[in-house]
Amino acid sequence: MSGEGARTVLSGVQAGAIGDELREQLVWRTSRLRELTGLVTEVDGDLRQRTMADLAATERAIAEIKKGLVRLSERDYGQCEDCGTSIPYERLKIRPLTRHCMPCRQAREIR
């Protein structure tokens, strides 16, 4: 990573807003995980497969949210994992779990 040691400069208000959003998502996803866990034993066939896929996606989302909260607490949040540059707050507001700046995201889509 070319920006090794770089830190995103978020104001306290911005970091608080992002943290609130991530915690809100964590609560919602955790609730959804409980629902899906109960549902997976009650359905079968295609619906069971879809429910299991939703369950796996929800588990991945929860893991990503938790990682985001750790990065936020360690002040590594909002730093592109590929190039190390700061991801603009406007992008983080829209996609709080994003780990890449727009140029790196676009480059990844081309690959």
PDB file of N, CA and C in Angstrom:
ATOM      1  N   MET A   1       0.853  -1.167   0.000  1.00  0.00           N
ATOM      2  CA  MET A   1       0.000   0.000   0.000  1.00  0.00           C
ATOM      3  C   MET A   1       0.891   1.219   0.000  1.00  0.00           C
ATOM      4  N   SER A   2       0.687   2.125  -0.944  1.00  0.00           N
ATOM      5  CA  SER A   2       1.568   3.265  -1.089  1.00  0.00           C
ATOM      6  C   SER A   2       1.395   4.304  -0.016  1.00  0.00           C
ATOM      7  N   GLY A   3       0.241   4.364   0.633  1.00  0.00           N
ATOM      8  CA  GLY A   3      -0.011   5.371   1.655  1.00  0.00           C
ATOM      9  C   GLY A   3       0.211   4.818   3.047  1.00  0.00           C
ATOM     10  N   GLU A   4       1.162   3.912   3.190  1.00  0.00           N
ATOM     11  CA  GLU A   4       1.409   3.264   4.478  1.00  0.00           C
ATOM     12  C   GLU A   4       1.528   4.295   5.581  1.00  0.00           C
ATOM     13  N   GLY A   5       0.751   4.105   6.632  1.00  0.00           N
ATOM     14  CA  GLY A   5       0.797   5.003   7.769  1.00  0.00           C
ATOM     15  C   GLY A   5      -0.112   6.208   7.623  1.00  0.00           C
ATOM     16  N   ALA A   6      -0.723   6.396   6.469  1.00  0.00           N
ATOM     17  CA  ALA A   6      -1.623   7.535   6.274  1.00  0.00           C
ATOM     18  C   ALA A   6      -2.882   7.326   7.096  1.00  0.00           C
ATOM     19  N   ARG A   7      -3.471   8.403   7.521  1.00  0.00           N
ATOM     20  CA  ARG A   7      -4.701   8.337   8.298  1.00  0.00           C
ATOM     21  C   ARG A   7      -5.739   9.227   7.642  1.00  0.00           C
ATOM     22  N   THR A   8      -6.979   8.778   7.684  1.00  0.00           N
ATOM     23  CA  THR A   8      -8.078   9.578   7.178  1.00  0.00           C
ATOM     24  C   THR A   8      -8.370  10.686   8.171  1.00  0.00           C
ATOM     25  N   VAL A   9      -8.593  11.853   7.642  1.00  0.00           N
ATOM     26  CA  VAL A   9      -8.898  12.979   8.512  1.00  0.00           C
ATOM     27  C   VAL A   9     -10.407  13.181   8.504  1.00  0.00           C
ATOM     28  N   LEU A  10     -11.068  12.605   9.495  1.00  0.00           N
ATOM     29  CA  LEU A  10     -12.498  12.804   9.689  1.00  0.00           C
ATOM     30  C   LEU A  10     -12.658  13.673  10.921  1.00  0.00           C
ATOM     31  N   SER A  11     -13.566  14.624  10.845  1.00  0.00           N
ATOM     32  CA  SER A  11     -13.845  15.415  12.043  1.00  0.00           C
ATOM     33  C   SER A  11     -14.524  14.513  13.066  1.00  0.00           C
ATOM     34  N   GLY A  12     -14.565  14.965  14.299  1.00  0.00           N
ATOM     35  CA  GLY A  12     -15.241  14.198  15.337  1.00  0.00           C
ATOM     36  C   GLY A  12     -16.699  13.966  15.008  1.00  0.00           C
ATOM     37  N   VAL A  13     -17.336  14.980  14.428  1.00  0.00           N
ATOM     38  CA  VAL A  13     -18.749  14.865  14.049  1.00  0.00           C
ATOM     39  C   VAL A  13     -18.911  13.832  12.934  1.00  0.00           C
ATOM     40  N   GLN A  14     -18.023  13.875  11.938  1.00  0.00           N
ATOM     41  CA  GLN A  14     -18.096  12.925  10.834  1.00  0.00           C
ATOM     42  C   GLN A  14     -17.862  11.499  11.326  1.00  0.00           C
ATOM     43  N   ALA A  15     -16.836  11.304  12.136  1.00  0.00           N
ATOM     44  CA  ALA A  15     -16.546   9.970  12.667  1.00  0.00           C
ATOM     45  C   ALA A  15     -17.715   9.473  13.517  1.00  0.00           C
ATOM     46  N   GLY A  16     -18.307  10.373  14.293  1.00  0.00           N
ATOM     47  CA  GLY A  16     -19.466   9.997  15.108  1.00  0.00           C
ATOM     48  C   GLY A  16     -20.646   9.576  14.257  1.00  0.00           C
ATOM     49  N   ALA A  17     -20.889  10.319  13.175  1.00  0.00           N
ATOM     50  CA  ALA A  17     -22.007   9.995  12.281  1.00  0.00           C
ATOM     51  C   ALA A  17     -21.789   8.644  11.605  1.00  0.00           C
ATOM     52  N   ILE A  18     -20.570   8.396  11.147  1.00  0.00           N
ATOM     53  CA  ILE A  18     -20.261   7.111  10.515  1.00  0.00           C
ATOM     54  C   ILE A  18     -20.399   5.985  11.543  1.00  0.00           C
ATOM     55  N   GLY A  19     -19.875   6.198  12.735  1.00  0.00           N
ATOM     56  CA  GLY A  19     -19.988   5.189  13.792  1.00  0.00           C
ATOM     57  C   GLY A  19     -21.434   4.880  14.123  1.00  0.00           C
ATOM     58  N   ASP A  20     -22.261   5.925  14.213  1.00  0.00           N
ATOM     59  CA  ASP A  20     -23.689   5.720  14.482  1.00  0.00           C
ATOM     60  C   ASP A  20     -24.335   4.890  13.380  1.00  0.00           C
ATOM     61  N   GLU A  21     -24.003   5.212  12.130  1.00  0.00           N
ATOM     62  CA  GLU A  21     -24.565   4.475  10.993  1.00  0.00           C
ATOM     63  C   GLU A  21     -24.134   3.007  11.040  1.00  0.00           C
ATOM     64  N   LEU A  22     -22.861   2.763  11.303  1.00  0.00           N
ATOM     65  CA  LEU A  22     -22.373   1.382  11.364  1.00  0.00           C
ATOM     66  C   LEU A  22     -23.026   0.609  12.506  1.00  0.00           C
ATOM     67  N   ARG A  23     -23.159   1.240  13.665  1.00  0.00           N
ATOM     68  CA  ARG A  23     -23.803   0.558  14.800  1.00  0.00           C
ATOM     69  C   ARG A  23     -25.278   0.277  14.505  1.00  0.00           C
ATOM     70  N   GLU A  24     -25.942   1.216  13.836  1.00  0.00           N
ATOM     71  CA  GLU A  24     -27.347   1.008  13.456  1.00  0.00           C
ATOM     72  C   GLU A  24     -27.470  -0.170  12.490  1.00  0.00           C
ATOM     73  N   GLN A  25     -26.556  -0.231  11.516  1.00  0.00           N
ATOM     74  CA  GLN A  25     -26.557  -1.357  10.579  1.00  0.00           C
ATOM     75  C   GLN A  25     -26.287  -2.672  11.306  1.00  0.00           C
ATOM     76  N   LEU A  26     -25.377  -2.641  12.279  1.00  0.00           N
ATOM     77  CA  LEU A  26     -25.048  -3.851  13.030  1.00  0.00           C
ATOM     78  C   LEU A  26     -26.265  -4.370  13.789  1.00  0.00           C
ATOM     79  N   VAL A  27     -27.007  -3.475  14.415  1.00  0.00           N
ATOM     80  CA  VAL A  27     -28.220  -3.871  15.143  1.00  0.00           C
ATOM     81  C   VAL A  27     -29.224  -4.485  14.174  1.00  0.00           C
ATOM     82  N   TRP A  28     -29.446  -3.823  13.039  1.00  0.00           N
ATOM     83  CA  TRP A  28     -30.414  -4.321  12.066  1.00  0.00           C
ATOM     84  C   TRP A  28     -29.984  -5.680  11.512  1.00  0.00           C
ATOM     85  N   ARG A  29     -28.715  -5.800  11.126  1.00  0.00           N
ATOM     86  CA  ARG A  29     -28.234  -7.063  10.543  1.00  0.00           C
ATOM     87  C   ARG A  29     -28.265  -8.196  11.565  1.00  0.00           C
ATOM     88  N   THR A  30     -27.949  -7.893  12.813  1.00  0.00           N
ATOM     89  CA  THR A  30     -27.985  -8.917  13.858  1.00  0.00           C
ATOM     90  C   THR A  30     -29.411  -9.415  14.062  1.00  0.00           C
ATOM     91  N   SER A  31     -30.367  -8.499  14.035  1.00  0.00           N
ATOM     92  CA  SER A  31     -31.777  -8.874  14.144  1.00  0.00           C
ATOM     93  C   SER A  31     -32.180  -9.743  12.951  1.00  0.00           C
ATOM     94  N   ARG A  32     -31.740  -9.346  11.776  1.00  0.00           N
ATOM     95  CA  ARG A  32     -32.040 -10.107  10.558  1.00  0.00           C
ATOM     96  C   ARG A  32     -31.418 -11.505  10.624  1.00  0.00           C
ATOM     97  N   LEU A  33     -30.214 -11.589  11.166  1.00  0.00           N
ATOM     98  CA  LEU A  33     -29.546 -12.881  11.311  1.00  0.00           C
ATOM     99  C   LEU A  33     -30.366 -13.824  12.184  1.00  0.00           C
ATOM    100  N   ARG A  34     -30.905 -13.302  13.279  1.00  0.00           N
ATOM    101  CA  ARG A  34     -31.752 -14.129  14.157  1.00  0.00           C
ATOM    102  C   ARG A  34     -32.992 -14.613  13.404  1.00  0.00           C
ATOM    103  N   GLU A  35     -33.614 -13.715  12.644  1.00  0.00           N
ATOM    104  CA  GLU A  35     -34.804 -14.102  11.870  1.00  0.00           C
ATOM    105  C   GLU A  35     -34.475 -15.213  10.883  1.00  0.00           C
ATOM    106  N   LEU A  36     -33.397 -15.025  10.134  1.00  0.00           N
ATOM    107  CA  LEU A  36     -33.022 -16.007   9.118  1.00  0.00           C
ATOM    108  C   LEU A  36     -32.631 -17.339   9.744  1.00  0.00           C
ATOM    109  N   THR A  37     -31.953 -17.296  10.879  1.00  0.00           N
ATOM    110  CA  THR A  37     -31.552 -18.526  11.564  1.00  0.00           C
ATOM    111  C   THR A  37     -32.782 -19.339  11.957  1.00  0.00           C
ATOM    112  N   GLY A  38     -33.809 -18.664  12.448  1.00  0.00           N
ATOM    113  CA  GLY A  38     -35.049 -19.353  12.791  1.00  0.00           C
ATOM    114  C   GLY A  38     -35.780 -19.859  11.564  1.00  0.00           C
ATOM    115  N   LEU A  39     -35.759 -19.074  10.506  1.00  0.00           N
ATOM    116  CA  LEU A  39     -36.486 -19.415   9.287  1.00  0.00           C
ATOM    117  C   LEU A  39     -35.868 -20.599   8.553  1.00  0.00           C
ATOM    118  N   VAL A  40     -34.555 -20.721   8.588  1.00  0.00           N
ATOM    119  CA  VAL A  40     -33.882 -21.759   7.803  1.00  0.00           C
ATOM    120  C   VAL A  40     -34.327 -23.164   8.213  1.00  0.00           C
ATOM    121  N   THR A  41     -34.740 -23.349   9.454  1.00  0.00           N
ATOM    122  CA  THR A  41     -35.207 -24.670   9.899  1.00  0.00           C
ATOM    123  C   THR A  41     -36.667 -24.916   9.547  1.00  0.00           C
ATOM    124  N   GLU A  42     -37.373 -23.859   9.147  1.00  0.00           N
ATOM    125  CA  GLU A  42     -38.807 -23.975   8.870  1.00  0.00           C
ATOM    126  C   GLU A  42     -39.143 -24.135   7.390  1.00  0.00           C
ATOM    127  N   VAL A  43     -38.184 -23.915   6.509  1.00  0.00           N
ATOM    128  CA  VAL A  43     -38.463 -23.959   5.070  1.00  0.00           C
ATOM    129  C   VAL A  43     -37.632 -25.055   4.416  1.00  0.00           C
ATOM    130  N   ASP A  44     -38.002 -25.399   3.175  1.00  0.00           N
ATOM    131  CA  ASP A  44     -37.219 -26.393   2.457  1.00  0.00           C
ATOM    132  C   ASP A  44     -37.138 -26.030   0.979  1.00  0.00           C
ATOM    133  N   GLY A  45     -36.403 -26.836   0.234  1.00  0.00           N
ATOM    134  CA  GLY A  45     -36.277 -26.636  -1.197  1.00  0.00           C
ATOM    135  C   GLY A  45     -35.553 -25.346  -1.558  1.00  0.00           C
ATOM    136  N   ASP A  46     -36.051 -24.713  -2.636  1.00  0.00           N
ATOM    137  CA  ASP A  46     -35.433 -23.484  -3.131  1.00  0.00           C
ATOM    138  C   ASP A  46     -35.459 -22.371  -2.093  1.00  0.00           C
ATOM    139  N   LEU A  47     -36.555 -22.292  -1.352  1.00  0.00           N
ATOM    140  CA  LEU A  47     -36.661 -21.249  -0.333  1.00  0.00           C
ATOM    141  C   LEU A  47     -35.596 -21.445   0.749  1.00  0.00           C
ATOM    142  N   ARG A  48     -35.317 -22.680   1.080  1.00  0.00           N
ATOM    143  CA  ARG A  48     -34.273 -22.949   2.082  1.00  0.00           C
ATOM    144  C   ARG A  48     -32.910 -22.534   1.542  1.00  0.00           C
ATOM    145  N   GLN A  49     -32.641 -22.824   0.282  1.00  0.00           N
ATOM    146  CA  GLN A  49     -31.359 -22.438  -0.318  1.00  0.00           C
ATOM    147  C   GLN A  49     -31.205 -20.920  -0.340  1.00  0.00           C
ATOM    148  N   ARG A  50     -32.274 -20.222  -0.710  1.00  0.00           N
ATOM    149  CA  ARG A  50     -32.219 -18.747  -0.725  1.00  0.00           C
ATOM    150  C   ARG A  50     -32.031 -18.197   0.678  1.00  0.00           C
ATOM    151  N   THR A  51     -32.716 -18.799   1.639  1.00  0.00           N
ATOM    152  CA  THR A  51     -32.590 -18.354   3.029  1.00  0.00           C
ATOM    153  C   THR A  51     -31.168 -18.573   3.533  1.00  0.00           C
ATOM    154  N   MET A  52     -30.581 -19.713   3.186  1.00  0.00           N
ATOM    155  CA  MET A  52     -29.207 -19.983   3.596  1.00  0.00           C
ATOM    156  C   MET A  52     -28.232 -19.013   2.933  1.00  0.00           C
ATOM    157  N   ALA A  53     -28.489 -18.659   1.678  1.00  0.00           N
ATOM    158  CA  ALA A  53     -27.648 -17.670   0.994  1.00  0.00           C
ATOM    159  C   ALA A  53     -27.780 -16.306   1.665  1.00  0.00           C
ATOM    160  N   ASP A  54     -29.011 -15.927   2.021  1.00  0.00           N
ATOM    161  CA  ASP A  54     -29.233 -14.665   2.743  1.00  0.00           C
ATOM    162  C   ASP A  54     -28.539 -14.690   4.098  1.00  0.00           C
ATOM    163  N   LEU A  55     -28.592 -15.828   4.757  1.00  0.00           N
ATOM    164  CA  LEU A  55     -27.948 -15.989   6.058  1.00  0.00           C
ATOM    165  C   LEU A  55     -26.435 -15.783   5.933  1.00  0.00           C
ATOM    166  N   ALA A  56     -25.837 -16.407   4.932  1.00  0.00           N
ATOM    167  CA  ALA A  56     -24.391 -16.265   4.717  1.00  0.00           C
ATOM    168  C   ALA A  56     -24.028 -14.817   4.381  1.00  0.00           C
ATOM    169  N   ALA A  57     -24.837 -14.173   3.540  1.00  0.00           N
ATOM    170  CA  ALA A  57     -24.576 -12.773   3.180  1.00  0.00           C
ATOM    171  C   ALA A  57     -24.698 -11.865   4.400  1.00  0.00           C
ATOM    172  N   THR A  58     -25.659 -12.143   5.245  1.00  0.00           N
ATOM    173  CA  THR A  58     -25.849 -11.347   6.460  1.00  0.00           C
ATOM    174  C   THR A  58     -24.674 -11.535   7.410  1.00  0.00           C
ATOM    175  N   GLU A  59     -24.186 -12.761   7.534  1.00  0.00           N
ATOM    176  CA  GLU A  59     -23.011 -13.016   8.379  1.00  0.00           C
ATOM    177  C   GLU A  59     -21.792 -12.264   7.856  1.00  0.00           C
ATOM    178  N   ARG A  60     -21.615 -12.247   6.526  1.00  0.00           N
ATOM    179  CA  ARG A  60     -20.492 -11.506   5.934  1.00  0.00           C
ATOM    180  C   ARG A  60     -20.636 -10.011   6.189  1.00  0.00           C
ATOM    181  N   ALA A  61     -21.858  -9.498   6.049  1.00  0.00           N
ATOM    182  CA  ALA A  61     -22.100  -8.071   6.281  1.00  0.00           C
ATOM    183  C   ALA A  61     -21.797  -7.697   7.729  1.00  0.00           C
ATOM    184  N   ILE A  62     -22.204  -8.537   8.658  1.00  0.00           N
ATOM    185  CA  ILE A  62     -21.925  -8.279  10.080  1.00  0.00           C
ATOM    186  C   ILE A  62     -20.419  -8.244  10.320  1.00  0.00           C
ATOM    187  N   ALA A  63     -19.692  -9.174   9.724  1.00  0.00           N
ATOM    188  CA  ALA A  63     -18.233  -9.193   9.877  1.00  0.00           C
ATOM    189  C   ALA A  63     -17.620  -7.909   9.316  1.00  0.00           C
ATOM    190  N   GLU A  64     -18.105  -7.455   8.159  1.00  0.00           N
ATOM    191  CA  GLU A  64     -17.592  -6.219   7.554  1.00  0.00           C
ATOM    192  C   GLU A  64     -17.901  -5.005   8.425  1.00  0.00           C
ATOM    193  N   ILE A  65     -19.094  -4.960   8.979  1.00  0.00           N
ATOM    194  CA  ILE A  65     -19.471  -3.847   9.859  1.00  0.00           C
ATOM    195  C   ILE A  65     -18.559  -3.823  11.082  1.00  0.00           C
ATOM    196  N   LYS A  66     -18.322  -4.980  11.666  1.00  0.00           N
ATOM    197  CA  LYS A  66     -17.442  -5.048  12.841  1.00  0.00           C
ATOM    198  C   LYS A  66     -16.028  -4.597  12.491  1.00  0.00           C
ATOM    199  N   LYS A  67     -15.536  -5.006  11.325  1.00  0.00           N
ATOM    200  CA  LYS A  67     -14.214  -4.555  10.881  1.00  0.00           C
ATOM    201  C   LYS A  67     -14.204  -3.042  10.698  1.00  0.00           C
ATOM    202  N   GLY A  68     -15.283  -2.506  10.135  1.00  0.00           N
ATOM    203  CA  GLY A  68     -15.384  -1.057   9.955  1.00  0.00           C
ATOM    204  C   GLY A  68     -15.341  -0.318  11.279  1.00  0.00           C
ATOM    205  N   LEU A  69     -16.031  -0.846  12.276  1.00  0.00           N
ATOM    206  CA  LEU A  69     -16.021  -0.220  13.601  1.00  0.00           C
ATOM    207  C   LEU A  69     -14.628  -0.272  14.231  1.00  0.00           C
ATOM    208  N   VAL A  70     -13.914  -1.379  14.025  1.00  0.00           N
ATOM    209  CA  VAL A  70     -12.542  -1.477  14.533  1.00  0.00           C
ATOM    210  C   VAL A  70     -11.660  -0.457  13.819  1.00  0.00           C
ATOM    211  N   ARG A  71     -11.767  -0.393  12.484  1.00  0.00           N
ATOM    212  CA  ARG A  71     -10.965   0.583  11.732  1.00  0.00           C
ATOM    213  C   ARG A  71     -11.276   2.002  12.182  1.00  0.00           C
ATOM    214  N   LEU A  72     -12.543   2.275  12.450  1.00  0.00           N
ATOM    215  CA  LEU A  72     -12.942   3.605  12.906  1.00  0.00           C
ATOM    216  C   LEU A  72     -12.301   3.912  14.260  1.00  0.00           C
ATOM    217  N   SER A  73     -12.326   2.954  15.165  1.00  0.00           N
ATOM    218  CA  SER A  73     -11.744   3.182  16.497  1.00  0.00           C
ATOM    219  C   SER A  73     -10.222   3.312  16.431  1.00  0.00           C
ATOM    220  N   GLU A  74      -9.606   2.659  15.452  1.00  0.00           N
ATOM    221  CA  GLU A  74      -8.145   2.728  15.299  1.00  0.00           C
ATOM    222  C   GLU A  74      -7.722   3.857  14.363  1.00  0.00           C
ATOM    223  N   ARG A  75      -8.682   4.618  13.899  1.00  0.00           N
ATOM    224  CA  ARG A  75      -8.457   5.748  12.991  1.00  0.00           C
ATOM    225  C   ARG A  75      -7.856   5.310  11.651  1.00  0.00           C
ATOM    226  N   ASP A  76      -8.107   4.065  11.248  1.00  0.00           N
ATOM    227  CA  ASP A  76      -7.715   3.574   9.930  1.00  0.00           C
ATOM    228  C   ASP A  76      -8.896   3.582   8.970  1.00  0.00           C
ATOM    229  N   TYR A  77     -10.043   3.956   9.477  1.00  0.00           N
ATOM    230  CA  TYR A  77     -11.270   3.944   8.683  1.00  0.00           C
ATOM    231  C   TYR A  77     -11.189   5.006   7.590  1.00  0.00           C
ATOM    232  N   GLY A  78     -11.680   4.654   6.403  1.00  0.00           N
ATOM    233  CA  GLY A  78     -11.745   5.612   5.308  1.00  0.00           C
ATOM    234  C   GLY A  78     -10.474   5.713   4.496  1.00  0.00           C
ATOM    235  N   GLN A  79      -9.578   4.773   4.693  1.00  0.00           N
ATOM    236  CA  GLN A  79      -8.330   4.737   3.941  1.00  0.00           C
ATOM    237  C   GLN A  79      -8.445   3.624   2.904  1.00  0.00           C
ATOM    238  N   CYS A  80      -8.169   3.935   1.645  1.00  0.00           N
ATOM    239  CA  CYS A  80      -8.259   2.939   0.575  1.00  0.00           C
ATOM    240  C   CYS A  80      -7.277   1.801   0.844  1.00  0.00           C
ATOM    241  N   GLU A  81      -7.780   0.580   0.793  1.00  0.00           N
ATOM    242  CA  GLU A  81      -6.933  -0.582   1.050  1.00  0.00           C
ATOM    243  C   GLU A  81      -5.936  -0.841  -0.071  1.00  0.00           C
ATOM    244  N   ASP A  82      -6.186  -0.304  -1.263  1.00  0.00           N
ATOM    245  CA  ASP A  82      -5.276  -0.536  -2.382  1.00  0.00           C
ATOM    246  C   ASP A  82      -4.177   0.516  -2.480  1.00  0.00           C
ATOM    247  N   CYS A  83      -4.548   1.798  -2.411  1.00  0.00           N
ATOM    248  CA  CYS A  83      -3.558   2.859  -2.646  1.00  0.00           C
ATOM    249  C   CYS A  83      -3.233   3.679  -1.405  1.00  0.00           C
ATOM    250  N   GLY A  84      -4.028   3.536  -0.352  1.00  0.00           N
ATOM    251  CA  GLY A  84      -3.746   4.234   0.892  1.00  0.00           C
ATOM    252  C   GLY A  84      -4.253   5.660   0.977  1.00  0.00           C
ATOM    253  N   THR A  85      -4.886   6.157  -0.076  1.00  0.00           N
ATOM    254  CA  THR A  85      -5.398   7.525  -0.019  1.00  0.00           C
ATOM    255  C   THR A  85      -6.680   7.577   0.802  1.00  0.00           C
ATOM    256  N   SER A  86      -7.005   8.770   1.252  1.00  0.00           N
ATOM    257  CA  SER A  86      -8.239   8.958   2.017  1.00  0.00           C
ATOM    258  C   SER A  86      -9.446   8.894   1.099  1.00  0.00           C
ATOM    259  N   ILE A  87     -10.456   8.183   1.535  1.00  0.00           N
ATOM    260  CA  ILE A  87     -11.722   8.113   0.807  1.00  0.00           C
ATOM    261  C   ILE A  87     -12.549   9.310   1.260  1.00  0.00           C
ATOM    262  N   PRO A  88     -13.075  10.096   0.323  1.00  0.00           N
ATOM    263  CA  PRO A  88     -13.841  11.289   0.710  1.00  0.00           C
ATOM    264  C   PRO A  88     -15.036  10.945   1.605  1.00  0.00           C
ATOM    265  N   TYR A  89     -15.276  11.827   2.568  1.00  0.00           N
ATOM    266  CA  TYR A  89     -16.376  11.638   3.513  1.00  0.00           C
ATOM    267  C   TYR A  89     -17.706  11.469   2.783  1.00  0.00           C
ATOM    268  N   GLU A  90     -17.901  12.195   1.691  1.00  0.00           N
ATOM    269  CA  GLU A  90     -19.155  12.099   0.933  1.00  0.00           C
ATOM    270  C   GLU A  90     -19.388  10.668   0.450  1.00  0.00           C
ATOM    271  N   ARG A  91     -18.332   9.985   0.042  1.00  0.00           N
ATOM    272  CA  ARG A  91     -18.452   8.581  -0.394  1.00  0.00           C
ATOM    273  C   ARG A  91     -18.719   7.682   0.813  1.00  0.00           C
ATOM    274  N   LEU A  92     -18.046   7.959   1.914  1.00  0.00           N
ATOM    275  CA  LEU A  92     -18.233   7.149   3.119  1.00  0.00           C
ATOM    276  C   LEU A  92     -19.647   7.283   3.669  1.00  0.00           C
ATOM    277  N   LYS A  93     -20.248   8.464   3.530  1.00  0.00           N
ATOM    278  CA  LYS A  93     -21.632   8.644   3.985  1.00  0.00           C
ATOM    279  C   LYS A  93     -22.571   7.751   3.193  1.00  0.00           C
ATOM    280  N   ILE A  94     -22.327   7.642   1.899  1.00  0.00           N
ATOM    281  CA  ILE A  94     -23.192   6.851   1.021  1.00  0.00           C
ATOM    282  C   ILE A  94     -22.913   5.357   1.175  1.00  0.00           C
ATOM    283  N   ARG A  95     -21.646   5.004   1.275  1.00  0.00           N
ATOM    284  CA  ARG A  95     -21.233   3.597   1.387  1.00  0.00           C
ATOM    285  C   ARG A  95     -20.271   3.454   2.564  1.00  0.00           C
ATOM    286  N   PRO A  96     -20.800   3.415   3.788  1.00  0.00           N
ATOM    287  CA  PRO A  96     -19.917   3.412   4.958  1.00  0.00           C
ATOM    288  C   PRO A  96     -18.990   2.205   5.073  1.00  0.00           C
ATOM    289  N   LEU A  97     -19.268   1.138   4.347  1.00  0.00           N
ATOM    290  CA  LEU A  97     -18.397  -0.039   4.413  1.00  0.00           C
ATOM    291  C   LEU A  97     -17.384  -0.097   3.276  1.00  0.00           C
ATOM    292  N   THR A  98     -17.370   0.927   2.434  1.00  0.00           N
ATOM    293  CA  THR A  98     -16.436   0.906   1.313  1.00  0.00           C
ATOM    294  C   THR A  98     -14.999   0.895   1.820  1.00  0.00           C
ATOM    295  N   ARG A  99     -14.152   0.156   1.116  1.00  0.00           N
ATOM    296  CA  ARG A  99     -12.743   0.062   1.504  1.00  0.00           C
ATOM    297  C   ARG A  99     -11.826   0.563   0.399  1.00  0.00           C
ATOM    298  N   HIS A 100     -12.434   1.118  -0.663  1.00  0.00           N
ATOM    299  CA  HIS A 100     -11.636   1.561  -1.806  1.00  0.00           C
ATOM    300  C   HIS A 100     -12.090   2.930  -2.294  1.00  0.00           C
ATOM    301  N   CYS A 101     -11.132   3.740  -2.725  1.00  0.00           N
ATOM    302  CA  CYS A 101     -11.461   5.018  -3.348  1.00  0.00           C
ATOM    303  C   CYS A 101     -12.065   4.718  -4.727  1.00  0.00           C
ATOM    304  N   MET A 102     -12.675   5.711  -5.341  1.00  0.00           N
ATOM    305  CA  MET A 102     -13.335   5.484  -6.637  1.00  0.00           C
ATOM    306  C   MET A 102     -12.360   5.011  -7.719  1.00  0.00           C
ATOM    307  N   PRO A 103     -11.177   5.633  -7.878  1.00  0.00           N
ATOM    308  CA  PRO A 103     -10.269   5.136  -8.921  1.00  0.00           C
ATOM    309  C   PRO A 103      -9.883   3.666  -8.723  1.00  0.00           C
ATOM    310  N   CYS A 104      -9.615   3.266  -7.493  1.00  0.00           N
ATOM    311  CA  CYS A 104      -9.252   1.863  -7.244  1.00  0.00           C
ATOM    312  C   CYS A 104     -10.452   0.940  -7.441  1.00  0.00           C
ATOM    313  N   ARG A 105     -11.629   1.388  -7.049  1.00  0.00           N
ATOM    314  CA  ARG A 105     -12.831   0.582  -7.258  1.00  0.00           C
ATOM    315  C   ARG A 105     -13.057   0.358  -8.748  1.00  0.00           C
ATOM    316  N   GLN A 106     -12.917   1.431  -9.525  1.00  0.00           N
ATOM    317  CA  GLN A 106     -13.109   1.312 -10.969  1.00  0.00           C
ATOM    318  C   GLN A 106     -12.054   0.404 -11.588  1.00  0.00           C
ATOM    319  N   ALA A 107     -10.824   0.504 -11.121  1.00  0.00           N
ATOM    320  CA  ALA A 107      -9.759  -0.364 -11.631  1.00  0.00           C
ATOM    321  C   ALA A 107     -10.060  -1.825 -11.306  1.00  0.00           C
ATOM    322  N   ARG A 108     -10.620  -2.090 -10.126  1.00  0.00           N
ATOM    323  CA  ARG A 108     -10.972  -3.459  -9.737  1.00  0.00           C
ATOM    324  C   ARG A 108     -12.080  -4.010 -10.629  1.00  0.00           C
ATOM    325  N   GLU A 109     -13.016  -3.153 -11.030  1.00  0.00           N
ATOM    326  CA  GLU A 109     -14.120  -3.602 -11.882  1.00  0.00           C
ATOM    327  C   GLU A 109     -13.628  -3.986 -13.266  1.00  0.00           C
ATOM    328  N   ILE A 110     -12.576  -3.344 -13.724  1.00  0.00           N
ATOM    329  CA  ILE A 110     -12.027  -3.631 -15.050  1.00  0.00           C
ATOM    330  C   ILE A 110     -11.304  -4.972 -15.050  1.00  0.00           C
ATOM    331  N   ARG A 111     -10.665  -5.317 -13.914  1.00  0.00           N
ATOM    332  CA  ARG A 111      -9.879  -6.568 -13.826  1.00  0.00           C
ATOM    333  C   ARG A 111     -10.707  -7.776 -14.019  1.00  0.00           C
TER     334      ARG A 111
END
